[in-house]
Amino acid sequence: MADVDQGSVLPSETSPLILDGLNSTDSNGTDAVNATVAKFVATPEGTALAYGSLVFMALLPIFFGALRSVNCGKSKNSSDMPETITGRDAARFPIIASCTLFGLYLFFKIFSQEYINLLLSMYFFVLGILALSHTMSPFMNRIFPANIPIKQYQLLFTQGSGETKEEIVNYEFDTKDMICLVISTVVGVWYILKKHWIANNLFGLAFALNGVELLHLNNVSTGCILLGGLFVYDVFWVFGTNVMVTVAKSFEAPIKLVFPQDLFEKGLGANQFAMLGLGDIVIPGNCLMFSLYPAPSSLKKNTRTYFYTSFLAYIFGLGMTIWVMHTFKHAQPALLYLVPACIGFPVVVALLKGELTEMFSDYLPDQDPSPSVAQFGRAASSRKSFKKGHGVLRDHQCCRNVLVPFPRSVP
């Protein structure tokens, strides 16, 4: 994940164009060519704006994804219970991610990059529309005019007949969902045709927010296993091989957040980007989500100390990544800095509060019958299902496999 597929931020060597005149001479010693080589060197203002915007955009899906997950937990519908990520899932995840990453690397080496990116663009076009529609749905519910009638619709596909009849898709939606789909489709067409960085970020933020909202861990130990495994995965593929960087440079899909460093010079048409992979947002974000309920004692005290601590730890780790990357002018695996921060800060707090044992107990949030705990223990369905009122395919397994294994950031 080179730094931001799980993200990390990679430097973008560019800014106001500096022209270096080179005088070359032929074998006779006479001037043959007056050539100029353009190199972009980012201004301090452009660099600060780009990195600051990346940090801000990374925090948005974590914070609002956590809030939406809590609100979703108030649902009493049993079908909304998520498929929890267990320790076994967490241990296998880096292996699956590595196979996916290396498979993409081989595909780019063997087949035409143009055709591969065309297929991936269509795939993410569909996923992006669904993810963005789901993200927009709560806002649409608030701003939709009350005097406009809301009609209910259902799209049903079945297989077989009689007793063997099986539902393949049962899609319930309403007028508001249709409006969300139309708006998301417009953004999707914009992305497909122009590959504009704003359209990319809209889809990227939607993917990240859905990932934080729909993915859940069963305990803190699982989060540590997941972060530890991806820590090794990230460092190996970034520093040990050129696979991560190669895929990151070849892969065209909204699996990263970008922000131009030459915005002041070129406006919205800027093209020199700093980047952050979605994996570096979704994976730590899910561990932060669990810190809302790290131990029964802290839940009974109705405190979110661990969440705020982890949130600050994430900001510190991401800031450290950017500082090291900018100082040494080399792509950095963000998890190299995020993992120690996101694990270390809460552990220190737990030690100070005398709750370290409880923090690493096999506590499952949805096992506590108290309302204050139960609201954190539920989330959207992890299987492929459609939730009424959202009109969006909510496939937690899909989000997990798509967002994490890809490269993070590239110069």
Protein backbone atom coordinates (compact mmCIF):
# COMPACT_ATOMS: atom_id res chain seq x y z
CA MET A 1 0.00 0.00 0.00
CA ALA A 2 2.70 2.16 -0.50
CA ASP A 3 1.58 4.71 1.50
CA VAL A 4 -1.77 5.29 0.83
CA ASP A 5 -3.68 2.47 -0.37
CA GLN A 6 -3.52 2.08 2.91
CA GLY A 7 -2.36 5.06 2.28
CA SER A 8 0.44 7.10 2.55
CA VAL A 9 1.34 10.27 1.13
CA LEU A 10 3.78 10.57 -1.66
CA PRO A 11 5.56 13.63 -2.75
CA SER A 12 4.78 15.23 -5.97
CA GLU A 13 7.88 16.79 -7.40
CA THR A 14 6.41 19.90 -8.86
CA SER A 15 5.44 23.56 -8.61
CA PRO A 16 6.06 26.73 -10.52
CA LEU A 17 7.80 25.59 -13.64
CA ILE A 18 11.50 26.13 -13.51
CA LEU A 19 13.23 25.94 -16.84
CA ASP A 20 16.80 24.72 -16.81
CA GLY A 21 18.56 25.67 -20.01
CA LEU A 22 20.99 23.03 -21.19
CA ASN A 23 23.58 23.77 -23.83
CA SER A 24 24.57 20.59 -25.61
CA THR A 25 27.36 20.31 -28.16
CA ASP A 26 27.94 17.86 -30.96
CA SER A 27 31.14 15.95 -31.71
CA ASN A 28 32.60 18.99 -33.48
CA GLY A 29 32.25 21.04 -30.34
CA THR A 30 29.63 23.34 -31.81
CA ASP A 31 26.34 24.14 -30.18
CA ALA A 32 23.80 21.67 -31.53
CA VAL A 33 20.73 22.07 -29.38
CA ASN A 34 19.38 24.58 -26.94
CA ALA A 35 17.09 22.41 -24.83
CA THR A 36 14.99 23.17 -21.85
CA VAL A 37 13.91 20.69 -19.28
CA ALA A 38 10.86 21.62 -17.24
CA LYS A 39 10.72 20.58 -13.65
CA PHE A 40 7.87 21.49 -11.35
CA VAL A 41 8.86 22.64 -7.88
CA ALA A 42 5.94 23.15 -5.51
CA THR A 43 5.70 26.45 -3.69
CA PRO A 44 5.53 26.32 0.13
CA GLU A 45 1.97 27.64 -0.04
CA GLY A 46 0.90 25.03 -2.59
CA THR A 47 2.53 22.22 -0.62
CA ALA A 48 0.95 23.33 2.64
CA LEU A 49 -2.49 23.60 1.04
CA ALA A 50 -2.21 20.17 -0.60
CA TYR A 51 -1.07 18.31 2.50
CA GLY A 52 -3.43 20.18 4.79
CA SER A 53 -6.34 19.34 2.48
CA LEU A 54 -5.36 15.66 2.40
CA VAL A 55 -5.33 15.49 6.19
CA PHE A 56 -8.68 17.26 6.38
CA MET A 57 -10.25 14.97 3.77
CA ALA A 58 -8.88 11.90 5.56
CA LEU A 59 -10.52 12.96 8.82
CA LEU A 60 -13.95 13.57 7.26
CA PRO A 61 -14.88 9.93 6.48
CA ILE A 62 -13.47 8.73 9.81
CA PHE A 63 -15.45 11.18 11.90
CA PHE A 64 -18.72 11.11 9.98
CA GLY A 65 -18.44 7.38 9.29
CA ALA A 66 -18.22 6.83 13.05
CA LEU A 67 -21.25 9.03 13.69
CA ARG A 68 -23.29 7.28 11.00
CA SER A 69 -22.30 3.90 12.35
CA VAL A 70 -23.52 4.90 15.80
CA ASN A 71 -26.81 6.18 14.36
CA CYS A 72 -27.16 3.01 12.33
CA GLY A 73 -26.70 1.07 15.56
CA LYS A 74 -30.01 2.42 16.81
CA SER A 75 -31.79 0.31 14.22
CA LYS A 76 -33.68 -2.62 15.70
CA ASN A 77 -33.68 -4.55 12.44
CA SER A 78 -31.75 -7.79 12.91
CA SER A 79 -30.79 -7.80 9.23
CA ASP A 80 -28.71 -4.70 9.89
CA MET A 81 -26.25 -6.60 12.08
CA PRO A 82 -22.81 -6.65 10.45
CA GLU A 83 -20.57 -9.62 9.76
CA THR A 84 -17.86 -8.91 12.29
CA ILE A 85 -14.20 -9.09 11.30
CA THR A 86 -12.60 -11.75 13.49
CA GLY A 87 -8.97 -12.34 14.39
CA ARG A 88 -8.77 -15.03 11.73
CA ASP A 89 -10.08 -12.64 9.07
CA ALA A 90 -7.59 -10.01 10.19
CA ALA A 91 -4.67 -12.46 9.98
CA ARG A 92 -5.60 -13.54 6.45
CA PHE A 93 -6.24 -10.05 5.16
CA PRO A 94 -2.60 -9.01 4.46
CA ILE A 95 -2.11 -12.25 2.52
CA ILE A 96 -5.20 -11.61 0.40
CA ALA A 97 -4.15 -8.00 -0.12
CA SER A 98 -0.65 -9.08 -1.19
CA CYS A 99 -2.01 -11.58 -3.71
CA THR A 100 -4.36 -8.95 -5.12
CA LEU A 101 -1.60 -6.37 -5.38
CA PHE A 102 0.87 -8.74 -7.04
CA GLY A 103 -1.85 -9.97 -9.39
CA LEU A 104 -2.49 -6.41 -10.51
CA TYR A 105 1.24 -5.91 -10.97
CA LEU A 106 1.43 -8.93 -13.27
CA PHE A 107 -1.63 -7.80 -15.22
CA PHE A 108 -0.07 -4.40 -15.86
CA LYS A 109 3.16 -6.08 -16.97
CA ILE A 110 1.48 -8.56 -19.33
CA PHE A 111 -1.55 -6.74 -20.71
CA SER A 112 -2.16 -3.28 -22.05
CA GLN A 113 -2.52 -0.72 -19.28
CA GLU A 114 -5.14 1.13 -21.32
CA TYR A 115 -7.57 -1.79 -21.49
CA ILE A 116 -7.09 -2.80 -17.87
CA ASN A 117 -7.83 0.72 -16.69
CA LEU A 118 -10.88 0.85 -18.96
CA LEU A 119 -12.34 -2.25 -17.29
CA LEU A 120 -11.46 -0.98 -13.81
CA SER A 121 -12.96 2.42 -14.59
CA MET A 122 -16.30 0.86 -15.50
CA TYR A 123 -16.21 -1.31 -12.39
CA PHE A 124 -15.52 1.63 -10.09
CA PHE A 125 -18.02 3.71 -12.03
CA VAL A 126 -20.81 1.41 -10.84
CA LEU A 127 -19.42 1.03 -7.31
CA GLY A 128 -18.86 4.77 -7.04
CA ILE A 129 -22.43 5.61 -8.00
CA LEU A 130 -23.80 3.21 -5.38
CA ALA A 131 -21.39 4.38 -2.68
CA LEU A 132 -22.01 8.07 -3.36
CA SER A 133 -25.78 7.52 -3.40
CA HIS A 134 -25.63 5.84 -0.02
CA THR A 135 -23.45 8.65 1.31
CA MET A 136 -25.85 11.33 0.07
CA SER A 137 -29.03 9.61 1.28
CA PRO A 138 -29.12 10.99 4.87
CA PHE A 139 -28.53 14.52 3.61
CA MET A 140 -31.24 14.13 1.00
CA ASN A 141 -33.66 12.99 3.69
CA ARG A 142 -33.08 16.26 5.54
CA ILE A 143 -33.31 18.69 2.64
CA PHE A 144 -36.00 16.99 0.55
CA PRO A 145 -39.07 19.28 0.37
CA ALA A 146 -41.93 17.97 2.47
CA ASN A 147 -44.55 19.07 -0.06
CA ILE A 148 -43.21 16.74 -2.77
CA PRO A 149 -44.85 13.31 -2.66
CA ILE A 150 -42.51 10.38 -2.05
CA LYS A 151 -43.28 7.26 -4.04
CA GLN A 152 -42.00 3.80 -3.14
CA TYR A 153 -40.50 1.44 -5.71
CA GLN A 154 -39.23 -2.12 -5.64
CA LEU A 155 -36.90 -3.94 -7.99
CA LEU A 156 -37.15 -7.70 -7.50
CA PHE A 157 -35.18 -10.44 -9.28
CA THR A 158 -35.86 -14.07 -8.43
CA GLN A 159 -34.51 -17.40 -9.53
CA GLY A 160 -36.54 -20.60 -9.89
CA SER A 161 -40.21 -21.07 -9.13
CA GLY A 162 -42.47 -22.54 -6.48
CA GLU A 163 -40.68 -23.80 -3.38
CA THR A 164 -37.28 -23.42 -5.04
CA LYS A 165 -37.86 -19.74 -5.77
CA GLU A 166 -34.98 -17.67 -4.48
CA GLU A 167 -34.53 -13.90 -4.31
CA ILE A 168 -31.44 -12.62 -6.08
CA VAL A 169 -32.08 -8.90 -5.65
CA ASN A 170 -34.78 -7.24 -3.60
CA TYR A 171 -34.19 -3.54 -4.09
CA GLU A 172 -36.55 -1.13 -2.35
CA PHE A 173 -36.12 2.57 -2.98
CA ASP A 174 -38.09 5.80 -3.19
CA THR A 175 -38.07 9.15 -4.94
CA LYS A 176 -35.24 10.52 -2.81
CA ASP A 177 -33.06 7.54 -3.62
CA MET A 178 -33.68 8.03 -7.33
CA ILE A 179 -32.54 11.65 -7.06
CA CYS A 180 -29.38 10.53 -5.27
CA LEU A 181 -28.70 7.98 -8.00
CA VAL A 182 -29.16 10.58 -10.73
CA ILE A 183 -26.76 13.03 -9.06
CA SER A 184 -24.23 10.25 -8.44
CA THR A 185 -24.50 9.11 -12.05
CA VAL A 186 -23.69 12.65 -13.25
CA VAL A 187 -20.57 12.62 -11.06
CA GLY A 188 -19.70 9.17 -12.41
CA VAL A 189 -19.98 10.29 -16.03
CA TRP A 190 -17.84 13.33 -15.20
CA TYR A 191 -15.20 11.06 -13.71
CA ILE A 192 -15.22 8.61 -16.64
CA LEU A 193 -14.93 11.35 -19.26
CA LYS A 194 -12.56 13.77 -17.57
CA LYS A 195 -10.91 11.84 -14.71
CA HIS A 196 -11.09 15.15 -12.85
CA TRP A 197 -9.56 15.19 -9.40
CA ILE A 198 -12.71 16.61 -7.77
CA ALA A 199 -14.84 13.75 -9.14
CA ASN A 200 -12.14 11.31 -8.01
CA ASN A 201 -12.27 12.74 -4.49
CA LEU A 202 -16.07 12.60 -4.33
CA PHE A 203 -15.98 8.88 -5.11
CA GLY A 204 -12.96 8.34 -2.86
CA LEU A 205 -14.61 10.02 0.12
CA ALA A 206 -17.78 8.00 -0.47
CA PHE A 207 -15.80 4.74 -0.53
CA ALA A 208 -13.90 5.66 2.62
CA LEU A 209 -17.00 6.77 4.55
CA ASN A 210 -18.87 3.58 3.64
CA GLY A 211 -15.85 1.49 4.60
CA VAL A 212 -15.61 3.09 8.04
CA GLU A 213 -19.37 2.84 8.56
CA LEU A 214 -19.87 -0.75 7.40
CA LEU A 215 -16.71 -2.53 8.56
CA HIS A 216 -16.45 -3.54 12.22
CA LEU A 217 -14.01 -5.39 14.46
CA ASN A 218 -14.98 -7.82 17.22
CA ASN A 219 -12.35 -6.65 19.72
CA VAL A 220 -9.21 -4.57 20.15
CA SER A 221 -6.91 -7.57 19.71
CA THR A 222 -8.34 -8.12 16.22
CA GLY A 223 -7.62 -4.49 15.39
CA CYS A 224 -4.02 -4.91 16.53
CA ILE A 225 -3.63 -8.06 14.42
CA LEU A 226 -5.06 -6.29 11.38
CA LEU A 227 -2.92 -3.18 11.80
CA GLY A 228 0.20 -5.22 12.55
CA GLY A 229 -0.24 -7.42 9.49
CA LEU A 230 -0.87 -4.50 7.20
CA PHE A 231 2.09 -2.68 8.75
CA VAL A 232 4.38 -5.47 7.51
CA TYR A 233 2.50 -5.62 4.20
CA ASP A 234 2.89 -1.89 3.62
CA VAL A 235 6.57 -1.67 4.53
CA PHE A 236 7.51 -4.74 2.47
CA TRP A 237 5.73 -3.74 -0.73
CA VAL A 238 6.93 -0.13 -0.57
CA PHE A 239 10.54 -0.50 0.54
CA GLY A 240 11.22 -4.12 -0.42
CA THR A 241 9.94 -4.08 -4.01
CA ASN A 242 8.78 -1.71 -6.73
CA VAL A 243 5.39 -3.46 -6.98
CA MET A 244 3.41 -0.97 -4.94
CA VAL A 245 4.73 2.12 -6.67
CA THR A 246 4.36 0.53 -10.12
CA VAL A 247 0.72 -0.36 -9.54
CA ALA A 248 0.04 3.02 -7.95
CA LYS A 249 1.37 4.83 -11.01
CA SER A 250 -0.46 2.55 -13.45
CA PHE A 251 -3.77 2.15 -11.68
CA GLU A 252 -6.45 4.69 -12.58
CA ALA A 253 -9.33 4.44 -10.13
CA PRO A 254 -10.81 6.52 -7.28
CA ILE A 255 -9.01 4.50 -4.63
CA LYS A 256 -7.03 7.48 -3.41
CA LEU A 257 -7.59 11.08 -2.40
CA VAL A 258 -5.62 13.67 -4.34
CA PHE A 259 -5.05 17.38 -4.10
CA PRO A 260 -3.04 19.54 -6.52
CA GLN A 261 0.11 21.30 -5.39
CA ASP A 262 -0.13 23.71 -8.33
CA LEU A 263 -3.66 24.88 -7.57
CA PHE A 264 -2.56 28.50 -7.21
CA GLU A 265 -0.85 28.40 -10.59
CA LYS A 266 -3.36 26.44 -12.69
CA GLY A 267 -6.61 26.59 -10.74
CA LEU A 268 -9.01 23.64 -11.13
CA GLY A 269 -7.00 22.44 -14.11
CA ALA A 270 -3.99 21.66 -11.91
CA ASN A 271 -2.29 18.32 -12.48
CA GLN A 272 0.56 17.94 -10.00
CA PHE A 273 -0.91 15.99 -7.11
CA ALA A 274 -0.11 14.82 -3.62
CA MET A 275 -1.99 11.60 -2.90
CA LEU A 276 -3.30 9.52 -0.02
CA GLY A 277 -4.60 5.93 -0.42
CA LEU A 278 -8.01 4.97 0.94
CA GLY A 279 -6.57 2.00 2.81
CA ASP A 280 -4.74 4.37 5.12
CA ILE A 281 -8.09 5.89 6.00
CA VAL A 282 -10.46 2.92 6.17
CA ILE A 283 -8.31 0.48 8.16
CA PRO A 284 -7.19 2.87 10.93
CA GLY A 285 -10.69 4.39 10.84
CA ASN A 286 -12.25 1.06 11.74
CA CYS A 287 -9.85 0.64 14.63
CA LEU A 288 -10.80 4.13 15.78
CA MET A 289 -14.46 3.11 15.52
CA PHE A 290 -13.90 0.26 17.94
CA SER A 291 -12.22 2.65 20.36
CA LEU A 292 -15.68 4.09 20.94
CA TYR A 293 -16.21 1.03 23.11
CA PRO A 294 -12.78 -0.25 24.18
CA ALA A 295 -13.84 -1.68 27.51
CA PRO A 296 -17.04 -2.20 29.49
CA SER A 297 -15.89 0.05 32.32
CA SER A 298 -15.33 3.06 30.08
CA LEU A 299 -18.68 2.43 28.41
CA LYS A 300 -20.45 2.46 31.73
CA LYS A 301 -18.82 5.80 32.43
CA ASN A 302 -20.24 6.99 29.12
CA THR A 303 -16.92 8.38 27.93
CA ARG A 304 -15.34 8.46 24.51
CA THR A 305 -11.82 9.11 25.77
CA TYR A 306 -10.32 6.34 23.68
CA PHE A 307 -11.96 7.55 20.49
CA TYR A 308 -10.66 11.09 20.92
CA THR A 309 -7.23 9.75 21.84
CA SER A 310 -7.14 7.52 18.76
CA PHE A 311 -8.41 10.37 16.61
CA LEU A 312 -5.54 12.59 17.75
CA ALA A 313 -3.14 9.66 17.28
CA TYR A 314 -4.28 9.31 13.67
CA ILE A 315 -3.68 13.02 13.03
CA PHE A 316 -0.23 12.73 14.63
CA GLY A 317 0.68 9.62 12.58
CA LEU A 318 -0.49 11.10 9.31
CA GLY A 319 1.31 14.35 10.04
CA MET A 320 4.48 12.41 10.77
CA THR A 321 4.13 10.57 7.45
CA ILE A 322 3.84 13.83 5.54
CA TRP A 323 6.77 15.39 7.38
CA VAL A 324 9.11 12.44 6.71
CA MET A 325 7.98 12.17 3.10
CA HIS A 326 8.45 15.88 2.49
CA THR A 327 11.82 15.95 4.24
CA PHE A 328 13.37 12.96 2.47
CA LYS A 329 11.49 13.36 -0.83
CA HIS A 330 10.55 9.70 -0.91
CA ALA A 331 7.23 7.89 -0.84
CA GLN A 332 6.37 6.63 2.63
CA PRO A 333 4.11 3.79 3.77
CA ALA A 334 1.68 5.68 6.00
CA LEU A 335 1.00 2.66 8.18
CA LEU A 336 4.64 2.74 9.22
CA TYR A 337 3.69 5.78 11.30
CA LEU A 338 -0.06 5.32 11.76
CA VAL A 339 0.11 1.86 13.33
CA PRO A 340 2.46 2.76 16.24
CA ALA A 341 0.47 5.95 16.88
CA CYS A 342 -3.02 4.41 16.68
CA ILE A 343 -2.05 1.50 18.92
CA GLY A 344 0.41 3.25 21.22
CA PHE A 345 -1.67 6.27 22.22
CA PRO A 346 -4.75 4.30 23.42
CA VAL A 347 -2.53 1.76 25.20
CA VAL A 348 -0.83 4.55 27.14
CA VAL A 349 -4.24 5.98 28.10
CA ALA A 350 -5.44 2.53 29.18
CA LEU A 351 -2.34 2.10 31.35
CA LEU A 352 -2.92 5.46 33.00
CA LYS A 353 -6.57 4.58 33.66
CA GLY A 354 -5.78 1.04 34.80
CA GLU A 355 -7.95 -0.49 32.05
CA LEU A 356 -5.36 -2.28 29.94
CA THR A 357 -6.72 -5.77 30.75
CA GLU A 358 -10.27 -4.75 29.90
CA MET A 359 -9.11 -3.12 26.70
CA PHE A 360 -7.67 -6.37 25.36
CA SER A 361 -10.40 -8.66 26.70
CA ASP A 362 -12.58 -10.66 24.34
CA TYR A 363 -15.31 -8.10 24.80
CA LEU A 364 -17.87 -7.88 22.00
CA PRO A 365 -19.82 -4.61 21.86
CA ASP A 366 -23.09 -6.26 20.92
CA GLN A 367 -22.96 -8.63 23.89
CA ASP A 368 -23.65 -5.89 26.44
CA PRO A 369 -27.42 -5.48 26.86
CA SER A 370 -27.26 -1.87 28.00
CA PRO A 371 -28.63 0.65 25.45
CA SER A 372 -25.51 2.79 25.62
CA VAL A 373 -23.44 -0.18 24.49
CA ALA A 374 -25.89 -1.68 22.06
CA GLN A 375 -26.02 1.45 19.98
CA PHE A 376 -22.34 0.99 19.17
CA GLY A 377 -22.68 -2.69 18.40
CA ARG A 378 -24.84 -2.55 15.32
CA ALA A 379 -24.15 -1.44 11.78
CA ALA A 380 -25.30 -1.83 8.23
CA SER A 381 -25.62 -5.28 6.75
CA SER A 382 -22.34 -6.82 5.63
CA ARG A 383 -23.88 -9.24 3.19
CA LYS A 384 -25.08 -8.11 -0.19
CA SER A 385 -28.37 -6.55 0.67
CA PHE A 386 -30.32 -3.44 0.00
CA LYS A 387 -31.61 -1.35 2.84
CA LYS A 388 -34.97 0.32 2.44
CA GLY A 389 -34.68 4.06 2.34
CA HIS A 390 -31.13 4.01 1.01
CA GLY A 391 -31.55 2.33 -2.34
CA VAL A 392 -27.92 1.31 -2.40
CA LEU A 393 -26.12 -2.00 -2.65
CA ARG A 394 -24.34 -2.35 0.66
CA ASP A 395 -21.64 -4.97 0.31
CA HIS A 396 -19.22 -4.77 3.20
CA GLN A 397 -17.14 -7.65 1.91
CA CYS A 398 -16.82 -5.90 -1.43
CA CYS A 399 -15.69 -2.66 0.18
CA ARG A 400 -13.11 -4.50 2.19
CA ASN A 401 -11.57 -6.25 -0.80
CA VAL A 402 -11.65 -3.28 -3.11
CA LEU A 403 -10.40 -0.45 -0.98
CA VAL A 404 -7.45 -1.91 0.78
CA PRO A 405 -5.20 -3.90 -1.51
CA PHE A 406 -4.31 -1.14 -3.95
CA PRO A 407 -1.36 1.24 -3.90
CA ARG A 408 -1.48 4.39 -2.00
CA SER A 409 0.24 7.41 -3.26
CA VAL A 410 2.59 8.27 -5.99
CA PRO A 411 4.79 11.20 -6.80
